[in-house]
PDB file of N, CA and C in Angstrom:
ATOM      1  N   MET A   1      -7.782 -16.367   5.667  1.00  0.00           N
ATOM      2  CA  MET A   1      -7.647 -16.612   7.084  1.00  0.00           C
ATOM      3  C   MET A   1      -8.176 -15.385   7.819  1.00  0.00           C
ATOM      4  N   LYS A   2      -9.080 -15.617   8.747  1.00  0.00           N
ATOM      5  CA  LYS A   2      -9.665 -14.526   9.499  1.00  0.00           C
ATOM      6  C   LYS A   2      -8.793 -14.170  10.693  1.00  0.00           C
ATOM      7  N   ILE A   3      -9.006 -12.968  11.212  1.00  0.00           N
ATOM      8  CA  ILE A   3      -8.164 -12.457  12.294  1.00  0.00           C
ATOM      9  C   ILE A   3      -8.285 -13.316  13.554  1.00  0.00           C
ATOM     10  N   ASP A   4      -9.467 -13.863  13.813  1.00  0.00           N
ATOM     11  CA  ASP A   4      -9.624 -14.729  14.984  1.00  0.00           C
ATOM     12  C   ASP A   4      -8.774 -15.989  14.864  1.00  0.00           C
ATOM     13  N   GLU A   5      -8.701 -16.541  13.664  1.00  0.00           N
ATOM     14  CA  GLU A   5      -7.876 -17.723  13.432  1.00  0.00           C
ATOM     15  C   GLU A   5      -6.396 -17.381  13.593  1.00  0.00           C
ATOM     16  N   ILE A   6      -6.016 -16.202  13.139  1.00  0.00           N
ATOM     17  CA  ILE A   6      -4.619 -15.773  13.240  1.00  0.00           C
ATOM     18  C   ILE A   6      -4.233 -15.552  14.694  1.00  0.00           C
ATOM     19  N   ARG A   7      -5.129 -14.968  15.474  1.00  0.00           N
ATOM     20  CA  ARG A   7      -4.824 -14.691  16.883  1.00  0.00           C
ATOM     21  C   ARG A   7      -4.630 -15.968  17.685  1.00  0.00           C
ATOM     22  N   ASP A   8      -5.212 -17.072  17.232  1.00  0.00           N
ATOM     23  CA  ASP A   8      -5.048 -18.339  17.942  1.00  0.00           C
ATOM     24  C   ASP A   8      -3.686 -18.971  17.690  1.00  0.00           C
ATOM     25  N   LEU A   9      -2.969 -18.513  16.687  1.00  0.00           N
ATOM     26  CA  LEU A   9      -1.657 -19.070  16.348  1.00  0.00           C
ATOM     27  C   LEU A   9      -0.581 -18.519  17.285  1.00  0.00           C
ATOM     28  N   SER A  10       0.531 -19.224  17.356  1.00  0.00           N
ATOM     29  CA  SER A  10       1.668 -18.735  18.135  1.00  0.00           C
ATOM     30  C   SER A  10       2.398 -17.664  17.319  1.00  0.00           C
ATOM     31  N   ALA A  11       3.252 -16.917  17.970  1.00  0.00           N
ATOM     32  CA  ALA A  11       4.001 -15.852  17.289  1.00  0.00           C
ATOM     33  C   ALA A  11       4.883 -16.427  16.188  1.00  0.00           C
ATOM     34  N   GLU A  12       5.466 -17.588  16.431  1.00  0.00           N
ATOM     35  CA  GLU A  12       6.326 -18.217  15.435  1.00  0.00           C
ATOM     36  C   GLU A  12       5.528 -18.640  14.200  1.00  0.00           C
ATOM     37  N   ASP A  13       4.330 -19.182  14.424  1.00  0.00           N
ATOM     38  CA  ASP A  13       3.471 -19.575  13.301  1.00  0.00           C
ATOM     39  C   ASP A  13       3.031 -18.357  12.495  1.00  0.00           C
ATOM     40  N   ILE A  14       2.748 -17.270  13.183  1.00  0.00           N
ATOM     41  CA  ILE A  14       2.352 -16.039  12.489  1.00  0.00           C
ATOM     42  C   ILE A  14       3.499 -15.548  11.618  1.00  0.00           C
ATOM     43  N   GLU A  15       4.723 -15.579  12.157  1.00  0.00           N
ATOM     44  CA  GLU A  15       5.886 -15.142  11.377  1.00  0.00           C
ATOM     45  C   GLU A  15       6.094 -16.020  10.152  1.00  0.00           C
ATOM     46  N   ASN A  16       5.901 -17.338  10.304  1.00  0.00           N
ATOM     47  CA  ASN A  16       6.035 -18.250   9.164  1.00  0.00           C
ATOM     48  C   ASN A  16       4.987 -17.953   8.099  1.00  0.00           C
ATOM     49  N   ASN A  17       3.745 -17.738   8.525  1.00  0.00           N
ATOM     50  CA  ASN A  17       2.679 -17.395   7.583  1.00  0.00           C
ATOM     51  C   ASN A  17       2.956 -16.065   6.901  1.00  0.00           C
ATOM     52  N   LEU A  18       3.534 -15.134   7.635  1.00  0.00           N
ATOM     53  CA  LEU A  18       3.860 -13.826   7.077  1.00  0.00           C
ATOM     54  C   LEU A  18       4.929 -13.957   5.992  1.00  0.00           C
ATOM     55  N   ASP A  19       5.942 -14.753   6.248  1.00  0.00           N
ATOM     56  CA  ASP A  19       6.984 -14.987   5.233  1.00  0.00           C
ATOM     57  C   ASP A  19       6.399 -15.626   3.975  1.00  0.00           C
ATOM     58  N   GLU A  20       5.526 -16.611   4.169  1.00  0.00           N
ATOM     59  CA  GLU A  20       4.909 -17.284   3.026  1.00  0.00           C
ATOM     60  C   GLU A  20       4.041 -16.323   2.220  1.00  0.00           C
ATOM     61  N   ALA A  21       3.294 -15.469   2.909  1.00  0.00           N
ATOM     62  CA  ALA A  21       2.420 -14.527   2.226  1.00  0.00           C
ATOM     63  C   ALA A  21       3.235 -13.500   1.439  1.00  0.00           C
ATOM     64  N   ARG A  22       4.353 -13.063   1.990  1.00  0.00           N
ATOM     65  CA  ARG A  22       5.207 -12.114   1.276  1.00  0.00           C
ATOM     66  C   ARG A  22       5.814 -12.745   0.024  1.00  0.00           C
ATOM     67  N   GLU A  23       6.223 -14.010   0.129  1.00  0.00           N
ATOM     68  CA  GLU A  23       6.759 -14.709  -1.042  1.00  0.00           C
ATOM     69  C   GLU A  23       5.677 -14.903  -2.096  1.00  0.00           C
ATOM     70  N   GLU A  24       4.476 -15.210  -1.646  1.00  0.00           N
ATOM     71  CA  GLU A  24       3.349 -15.394  -2.559  1.00  0.00           C
ATOM     72  C   GLU A  24       3.046 -14.089  -3.308  1.00  0.00           C
ATOM     73  N   LEU A  25       3.086 -12.973  -2.598  1.00  0.00           N
ATOM     74  CA  LEU A  25       2.840 -11.676  -3.225  1.00  0.00           C
ATOM     75  C   LEU A  25       3.925 -11.364  -4.256  1.00  0.00           C
ATOM     76  N   MET A  26       5.161 -11.696  -3.944  1.00  0.00           N
ATOM     77  CA  MET A  26       6.243 -11.460  -4.885  1.00  0.00           C
ATOM     78  C   MET A  26       6.041 -12.277  -6.170  1.00  0.00           C
ATOM     79  N   ARG A  27       5.641 -13.545  -6.005  1.00  0.00           N
ATOM     80  CA  ARG A  27       5.373 -14.380  -7.175  1.00  0.00           C
ATOM     81  C   ARG A  27       4.227 -13.802  -8.011  1.00  0.00           C
ATOM     82  N   MET A  28       3.212 -13.277  -7.346  1.00  0.00           N
ATOM     83  CA  MET A  28       2.076 -12.680  -8.063  1.00  0.00           C
ATOM     84  C   MET A  28       2.506 -11.444  -8.847  1.00  0.00           C
ATOM     85  N   ARG A  29       3.413 -10.678  -8.285  1.00  0.00           N
ATOM     86  CA  ARG A  29       3.895  -9.495  -9.000  1.00  0.00           C
ATOM     87  C   ARG A  29       4.607  -9.899 -10.289  1.00  0.00           C
ATOM     88  N   PHE A  30       5.412 -10.967 -10.219  1.00  0.00           N
ATOM     89  CA  PHE A  30       6.082 -11.456 -11.425  1.00  0.00           C
ATOM     90  C   PHE A  30       5.068 -11.989 -12.429  1.00  0.00           C
ATOM     91  N   GLN A  31       4.068 -12.700 -11.931  1.00  0.00           N
ATOM     92  CA  GLN A  31       3.042 -13.235 -12.824  1.00  0.00           C
ATOM     93  C   GLN A  31       2.262 -12.115 -13.504  1.00  0.00           C
ATOM     94  N   ARG A  32       1.984 -11.045 -12.769  1.00  0.00           N
ATOM     95  CA  ARG A  32       1.268  -9.918 -13.356  1.00  0.00           C
ATOM     96  C   ARG A  32       2.124  -9.257 -14.437  1.00  0.00           C
ATOM     97  N   ALA A  33       3.419  -9.143 -14.198  1.00  0.00           N
ATOM     98  CA  ALA A  33       4.310  -8.498 -15.160  1.00  0.00           C
ATOM     99  C   ALA A  33       4.439  -9.318 -16.443  1.00  0.00           C
ATOM    100  N   THR A  34       4.383 -10.637 -16.311  1.00  0.00           N
ATOM    101  CA  THR A  34       4.514 -11.489 -17.490  1.00  0.00           C
ATOM    102  C   THR A  34       3.167 -11.828 -18.123  1.00  0.00           C
ATOM    103  N   GLY A  35       2.082 -11.392 -17.508  1.00  0.00           N
ATOM    104  CA  GLY A  35       0.754 -11.641 -18.059  1.00  0.00           C
ATOM    105  C   GLY A  35       0.176 -12.995 -17.694  1.00  0.00           C
ATOM    106  N   GLU A  36       0.771 -13.696 -16.753  1.00  0.00           N
ATOM    107  CA  GLU A  36       0.301 -15.021 -16.356  1.00  0.00           C
ATOM    108  C   GLU A  36      -0.767 -14.981 -15.273  1.00  0.00           C
ATOM    109  N   LEU A  37      -0.908 -13.865 -14.582  1.00  0.00           N
ATOM    110  CA  LEU A  37      -1.859 -13.766 -13.481  1.00  0.00           C
ATOM    111  C   LEU A  37      -3.271 -13.658 -14.039  1.00  0.00           C
ATOM    112  N   THR A  38      -4.123 -14.606 -13.689  1.00  0.00           N
ATOM    113  CA  THR A  38      -5.485 -14.607 -14.218  1.00  0.00           C
ATOM    114  C   THR A  38      -6.460 -13.880 -13.300  1.00  0.00           C
ATOM    115  N   ASN A  39      -6.288 -14.009 -11.984  1.00  0.00           N
ATOM    116  CA  ASN A  39      -7.171 -13.344 -11.039  1.00  0.00           C
ATOM    117  C   ASN A  39      -6.437 -12.128 -10.476  1.00  0.00           C
ATOM    118  N   HIS A  40      -6.802 -10.960 -10.923  1.00  0.00           N
ATOM    119  CA  HIS A  40      -6.106  -9.737 -10.521  1.00  0.00           C
ATOM    120  C   HIS A  40      -6.526  -9.229  -9.148  1.00  0.00           C
ATOM    121  N   ASN A  41      -7.439  -9.920  -8.492  1.00  0.00           N
ATOM    122  CA  ASN A  41      -7.840  -9.552  -7.137  1.00  0.00           C
ATOM    123  C   ASN A  41      -6.954 -10.204  -6.079  1.00  0.00           C
ATOM    124  N   LEU A  42      -6.216 -11.232  -6.446  1.00  0.00           N
ATOM    125  CA  LEU A  42      -5.386 -11.953  -5.480  1.00  0.00           C
ATOM    126  C   LEU A  42      -4.310 -11.103  -4.820  1.00  0.00           C
ATOM    127  N   PRO A  43      -3.601 -10.235  -5.542  1.00  0.00           N
ATOM    128  CA  PRO A  43      -2.590  -9.419  -4.843  1.00  0.00           C
ATOM    129  C   PRO A  43      -3.203  -8.523  -3.757  1.00  0.00           C
ATOM    130  N   SER A  44      -4.366  -7.999  -4.007  1.00  0.00           N
ATOM    131  CA  SER A  44      -5.036  -7.161  -3.013  1.00  0.00           C
ATOM    132  C   SER A  44      -5.391  -7.985  -1.776  1.00  0.00           C
ATOM    133  N   TYR A  45      -5.931  -9.180  -2.000  1.00  0.00           N
ATOM    134  CA  TYR A  45      -6.268 -10.061  -0.888  1.00  0.00           C
ATOM    135  C   TYR A  45      -5.018 -10.428  -0.089  1.00  0.00           C
ATOM    136  N   THR A  46      -3.938 -10.691  -0.786  1.00  0.00           N
ATOM    137  CA  THR A  46      -2.697 -11.090  -0.118  1.00  0.00           C
ATOM    138  C   THR A  46      -2.121  -9.935   0.698  1.00  0.00           C
ATOM    139  N   ARG A  47      -2.194  -8.715   0.176  1.00  0.00           N
ATOM    140  CA  ARG A  47      -1.719  -7.560   0.953  1.00  0.00           C
ATOM    141  C   ARG A  47      -2.531  -7.386   2.235  1.00  0.00           C
ATOM    142  N   LYS A  48      -3.834  -7.607   2.149  1.00  0.00           N
ATOM    143  CA  LYS A  48      -4.680  -7.508   3.339  1.00  0.00           C
ATOM    144  C   LYS A  48      -4.341  -8.613   4.343  1.00  0.00           C
ATOM    145  N   LYS A  49      -4.042  -9.803   3.816  1.00  0.00           N
ATOM    146  CA  LYS A  49      -3.641 -10.911   4.676  1.00  0.00           C
ATOM    147  C   LYS A  49      -2.347 -10.584   5.409  1.00  0.00           C
ATOM    148  N   ILE A  50      -1.404  -9.979   4.697  1.00  0.00           N
ATOM    149  CA  ILE A  50      -0.133  -9.576   5.304  1.00  0.00           C
ATOM    150  C   ILE A  50      -0.384  -8.553   6.415  1.00  0.00           C
ATOM    151  N   ALA A  51      -1.265  -7.607   6.163  1.00  0.00           N
ATOM    152  CA  ALA A  51      -1.570  -6.594   7.172  1.00  0.00           C
ATOM    153  C   ALA A  51      -2.189  -7.234   8.415  1.00  0.00           C
ATOM    154  N   ARG A  52      -3.079  -8.200   8.220  1.00  0.00           N
ATOM    155  CA  ARG A  52      -3.683  -8.894   9.363  1.00  0.00           C
ATOM    156  C   ARG A  52      -2.626  -9.643  10.171  1.00  0.00           C
ATOM    157  N   LEU A  53      -1.711 -10.303   9.468  1.00  0.00           N
ATOM    158  CA  LEU A  53      -0.656 -11.043  10.151  1.00  0.00           C
ATOM    159  C   LEU A  53       0.255 -10.122  10.949  1.00  0.00           C
ATOM    160  N   ILE A  54       0.616  -8.983  10.366  1.00  0.00           N
ATOM    161  CA  ILE A  54       1.474  -8.021  11.064  1.00  0.00           C
ATOM    162  C   ILE A  54       0.768  -7.483  12.298  1.00  0.00           C
ATOM    163  N   THR A  55      -0.513  -7.175  12.173  1.00  0.00           N
ATOM    164  CA  THR A  55      -1.286  -6.662  13.298  1.00  0.00           C
ATOM    165  C   THR A  55      -1.336  -7.675  14.429  1.00  0.00           C
ATOM    166  N   ALA A  56      -1.639  -8.918  14.096  1.00  0.00           N
ATOM    167  CA  ALA A  56      -1.718  -9.963  15.117  1.00  0.00           C
ATOM    168  C   ALA A  56      -0.360 -10.193  15.766  1.00  0.00           C
ATOM    169  N   LEU A  57       0.709 -10.141  14.970  1.00  0.00           N
ATOM    170  CA  LEU A  57       2.044 -10.332  15.511  1.00  0.00           C
ATOM    171  C   LEU A  57       2.399  -9.220  16.498  1.00  0.00           C
ATOM    172  N   LYS A  58       2.077  -7.997  16.160  1.00  0.00           N
ATOM    173  CA  LYS A  58       2.348  -6.876  17.072  1.00  0.00           C
ATOM    174  C   LYS A  58       1.530  -6.990  18.353  1.00  0.00           C
ATOM    175  N   GLU A  59       0.287  -7.471  18.233  1.00  0.00           N
ATOM    176  CA  GLU A  59      -0.533  -7.679  19.426  1.00  0.00           C
ATOM    177  C   GLU A  59       0.106  -8.727  20.339  1.00  0.00           C
ATOM    178  N   LYS A  60       0.582  -9.820  19.740  1.00  0.00           N
ATOM    179  CA  LYS A  60       1.231 -10.877  20.528  1.00  0.00           C
ATOM    180  C   LYS A  60       2.479 -10.348  21.221  1.00  0.00           C
ATOM    181  N   GLN A  61       3.279  -9.571  20.494  1.00  0.00           N
ATOM    182  CA  GLN A  61       4.508  -9.036  21.067  1.00  0.00           C
ATOM    183  C   GLN A  61       4.203  -8.063  22.194  1.00  0.00           C
ATOM    184  N   ALA A  62       3.177  -7.247  22.044  1.00  0.00           N
ATOM    185  CA  ALA A  62       2.799  -6.310  23.101  1.00  0.00           C
ATOM    186  C   ALA A  62       2.276  -7.065  24.317  1.00  0.00           C
ATOM    187  N   GLU A  63       1.530  -8.123  24.071  1.00  0.00           N
ATOM    188  CA  GLU A  63       1.002  -8.947  25.155  1.00  0.00           C
ATOM    189  C   GLU A  63       2.130  -9.614  25.930  1.00  0.00           C
ATOM    190  N   GLU A  64       3.112 -10.156  25.223  1.00  0.00           N
ATOM    191  CA  GLU A  64       4.248 -10.798  25.868  1.00  0.00           C
ATOM    192  C   GLU A  64       5.078  -9.788  26.657  1.00  0.00           C
ATOM    193  N   LYS A  65       5.203  -8.594  26.109  1.00  0.00           N
ATOM    194  CA  LYS A  65       5.972  -7.547  26.778  1.00  0.00           C
ATOM    195  C   LYS A  65       5.275  -7.125  28.072  1.00  0.00           C
ATOM    196  N   SER A  66       3.954  -6.974  28.022  1.00  0.00           N
ATOM    197  CA  SER A  66       3.226  -6.554  29.226  1.00  0.00           C
ATOM    198  C   SER A  66       3.241  -7.642  30.291  1.00  0.00           C
ATOM    199  N   GLU A  67       3.218  -8.914  29.875  1.00  0.00           N
ATOM    200  CA  GLU A  67       3.296 -10.005  30.842  1.00  0.00           C
ATOM    201  C   GLU A  67       4.690 -10.083  31.461  1.00  0.00           C
ATOM    202  N   GLY A  68       5.702  -9.745  30.688  1.00  0.00           N
ATOM    203  CA  GLY A  68       7.068  -9.782  31.196  1.00  0.00           C
ATOM    204  C   GLY A  68       7.337  -8.690  32.220  1.00  0.00           C
ATOM    205  N   GLU A  69       6.657  -7.577  32.091  1.00  0.00           N
ATOM    206  CA  GLU A  69       6.844  -6.469  33.025  1.00  0.00           C
ATOM    207  C   GLU A  69       6.131  -6.693  34.336  1.00  0.00           C
ATOM    208  N   ALA A  70       5.083  -7.468  34.308  1.00  0.00           N
ATOM    209  CA  ALA A  70       4.265  -7.671  35.521  1.00  0.00           C
ATOM    210  C   ALA A  70       4.910  -8.603  36.496  1.00  0.00           C
TER     211      ALA A  70
END
């Protein structure tokens, strides 16, 4: 998911996607420990996805805060 697609989502949708991505990363860590993970690049991609989601969420929160003050 690209950052432009994430920015189009609502804050609630971003939070839901963030929770799902964190759970997915946790499952990948278990798979790596047990030797079941076949693509070792996926955890890196998922961490980057989490970072994008957090960034977009903070932007939305800052935007809402600035609109509330005006």
